[in-house]
Amino acid sequence: MATTLDDVINSLPSERREKIEHLTVELVEEVATLRELRKKQKLTQADISQLLGEHPNSTQCCRAGVINKKMATTLKDRKLRKLQENAD
């Protein structure tokens, strides 16, 4: 029988499982925030791809709940700049 991800996680010490759960919650919240930011800026996945200079397939992962650090940093930086521009 194949070993599942649940099997592996359940075999970890409780402290490690709690840390994994905490990090998972943080990442899910960050992805949701980035999705909200994208929508508030009225940007599509294709727009994000173009802004990041990435292939459209690489940014579709945002929709699936997976995001790489470059994408997250770029989106955050753009949002901060927009907020600063609006404050001036």
C-alpha atoms as a PDB file:
ATOM      1  CA  MET A   1       0.000   0.000   0.000  1.00  0.00           C
ATOM      2  CA  ALA A   2       1.270   3.476  -0.864  1.00  0.00           C
ATOM      3  CA  THR A   3       2.092   5.967   1.849  1.00  0.00           C
ATOM      4  CA  THR A   4      -0.148   9.032   1.741  1.00  0.00           C
ATOM      5  CA  LEU A   5       0.697  12.572   2.786  1.00  0.00           C
ATOM      6  CA  ASP A   6      -1.668  12.156   5.727  1.00  0.00           C
ATOM      7  CA  ASP A   7       0.292   9.071   6.804  1.00  0.00           C
ATOM      8  CA  VAL A   8       3.535  11.024   6.729  1.00  0.00           C
ATOM      9  CA  ILE A   9       2.098  14.010   8.599  1.00  0.00           C
ATOM     10  CA  ASN A  10       0.423  11.793  11.202  1.00  0.00           C
ATOM     11  CA  SER A  11       3.740  10.076  11.858  1.00  0.00           C
ATOM     12  CA  LEU A  12       5.403  13.372  12.803  1.00  0.00           C
ATOM     13  CA  PRO A  13       5.731  14.566  16.394  1.00  0.00           C
ATOM     14  CA  SER A  14       2.781  16.696  17.523  1.00  0.00           C
ATOM     15  CA  GLU A  15       4.941  19.830  17.786  1.00  0.00           C
ATOM     16  CA  ARG A  16       5.995  19.460  14.139  1.00  0.00           C
ATOM     17  CA  ARG A  17       2.385  18.829  13.021  1.00  0.00           C
ATOM     18  CA  GLU A  18       1.274  21.989  14.840  1.00  0.00           C
ATOM     19  CA  LYS A  19       4.009  24.006  13.140  1.00  0.00           C
ATOM     20  CA  ILE A  20       2.970  22.658   9.732  1.00  0.00           C
ATOM     21  CA  GLU A  21      -0.669  23.513  10.451  1.00  0.00           C
ATOM     22  CA  HIS A  22       0.276  27.044  11.541  1.00  0.00           C
ATOM     23  CA  LEU A  23       2.363  27.637   8.401  1.00  0.00           C
ATOM     24  CA  THR A  24      -0.425  26.240   6.234  1.00  0.00           C
ATOM     25  CA  VAL A  25      -2.941  28.669   7.724  1.00  0.00           C
ATOM     26  CA  GLU A  26      -0.523  31.584   7.203  1.00  0.00           C
ATOM     27  CA  LEU A  27       0.057  30.665   3.544  1.00  0.00           C
ATOM     28  CA  VAL A  28      -3.646  30.221   2.815  1.00  0.00           C
ATOM     29  CA  GLU A  29      -4.372  33.638   4.359  1.00  0.00           C
ATOM     30  CA  GLU A  30      -1.568  35.247   2.345  1.00  0.00           C
ATOM     31  CA  VAL A  31      -2.836  33.763  -0.904  1.00  0.00           C
ATOM     32  CA  ALA A  32      -6.361  34.968  -0.131  1.00  0.00           C
ATOM     33  CA  THR A  33      -5.004  38.448   0.579  1.00  0.00           C
ATOM     34  CA  LEU A  34      -3.064  38.497  -2.672  1.00  0.00           C
ATOM     35  CA  ARG A  35      -6.144  37.350  -4.561  1.00  0.00           C
ATOM     36  CA  GLU A  36      -8.154  40.173  -2.963  1.00  0.00           C
ATOM     37  CA  LEU A  37      -5.459  42.697  -3.859  1.00  0.00           C
ATOM     38  CA  ARG A  38      -5.439  41.488  -7.456  1.00  0.00           C
ATOM     39  CA  LYS A  39      -9.203  41.802  -7.695  1.00  0.00           C
ATOM     40  CA  LYS A  40      -9.260  45.251  -6.062  1.00  0.00           C
ATOM     41  CA  GLN A  41      -6.735  46.412  -8.639  1.00  0.00           C
ATOM     42  CA  LYS A  42      -9.004  44.889 -11.314  1.00  0.00           C
ATOM     43  CA  LEU A  43      -6.194  42.679 -12.554  1.00  0.00           C
ATOM     44  CA  THR A  44      -6.697  39.329 -14.217  1.00  0.00           C
ATOM     45  CA  GLN A  45      -4.378  36.353 -13.971  1.00  0.00           C
ATOM     46  CA  ALA A  46      -3.135  37.287 -17.449  1.00  0.00           C
ATOM     47  CA  ASP A  47      -2.402  40.843 -16.243  1.00  0.00           C
ATOM     48  CA  ILE A  48      -0.377  39.484 -13.347  1.00  0.00           C
ATOM     49  CA  SER A  49       1.548  37.214 -15.705  1.00  0.00           C
ATOM     50  CA  GLN A  50       2.406  40.139 -17.940  1.00  0.00           C
ATOM     51  CA  LEU A  51       3.412  42.397 -15.026  1.00  0.00           C
ATOM     52  CA  LEU A  52       5.669  39.723 -13.597  1.00  0.00           C
ATOM     53  CA  GLY A  53       7.114  38.747 -16.947  1.00  0.00           C
ATOM     54  CA  GLU A  54       5.968  35.204 -16.341  1.00  0.00           C
ATOM     55  CA  HIS A  55       4.218  32.661 -18.519  1.00  0.00           C
ATOM     56  CA  PRO A  56       0.447  32.653 -17.835  1.00  0.00           C
ATOM     57  CA  ASN A  57       0.633  29.055 -16.577  1.00  0.00           C
ATOM     58  CA  SER A  58       2.986  30.093 -13.790  1.00  0.00           C
ATOM     59  CA  THR A  59       0.481  32.559 -12.333  1.00  0.00           C
ATOM     60  CA  GLN A  60      -2.505  30.250 -12.612  1.00  0.00           C
ATOM     61  CA  CYS A  61      -1.107  28.603  -9.513  1.00  0.00           C
ATOM     62  CA  CYS A  62      -2.432  31.620  -7.552  1.00  0.00           C
ATOM     63  CA  ARG A  63      -5.935  30.443  -8.301  1.00  0.00           C
ATOM     64  CA  ALA A  64      -5.048  26.982  -7.038  1.00  0.00           C
ATOM     65  CA  GLY A  65      -3.669  28.394  -3.804  1.00  0.00           C
ATOM     66  CA  VAL A  66       0.009  28.076  -4.662  1.00  0.00           C
ATOM     67  CA  ILE A  67       2.207  31.127  -5.065  1.00  0.00           C
ATOM     68  CA  ASN A  68       5.940  31.575  -5.352  1.00  0.00           C
ATOM     69  CA  LYS A  69       7.919  34.100  -3.352  1.00  0.00           C
ATOM     70  CA  LYS A  70       8.712  36.319  -6.358  1.00  0.00           C
ATOM     71  CA  MET A  71       5.026  36.700  -7.166  1.00  0.00           C
ATOM     72  CA  ALA A  72       4.060  37.429  -3.576  1.00  0.00           C
ATOM     73  CA  THR A  73       6.809  40.025  -3.145  1.00  0.00           C
ATOM     74  CA  THR A  74       6.013  41.749  -6.430  1.00  0.00           C
ATOM     75  CA  LEU A  75       2.304  41.971  -5.656  1.00  0.00           C
ATOM     76  CA  LYS A  76       2.967  43.299  -2.163  1.00  0.00           C
ATOM     77  CA  ASP A  77       5.428  45.891  -3.492  1.00  0.00           C
ATOM     78  CA  ARG A  78       2.951  47.066  -6.112  1.00  0.00           C
ATOM     79  CA  LYS A  79       0.186  47.379  -3.520  1.00  0.00           C
ATOM     80  CA  LEU A  80       2.455  49.367  -1.175  1.00  0.00           C
ATOM     81  CA  ARG A  81       3.431  51.728  -3.995  1.00  0.00           C
ATOM     82  CA  LYS A  82      -0.234  52.196  -4.922  1.00  0.00           C
ATOM     83  CA  LEU A  83      -1.127  52.975  -1.301  1.00  0.00           C
ATOM     84  CA  GLN A  84       1.755  55.458  -1.079  1.00  0.00           C
ATOM     85  CA  GLU A  85       0.657  57.144  -4.302  1.00  0.00           C
ATOM     86  CA  ASN A  86      -2.894  57.478  -2.985  1.00  0.00           C
ATOM     87  CA  ALA A  87      -1.627  58.911   0.316  1.00  0.00           C
ATOM     88  CA  ASP A  88       0.357  61.680  -1.468  1.00  0.00           C
END
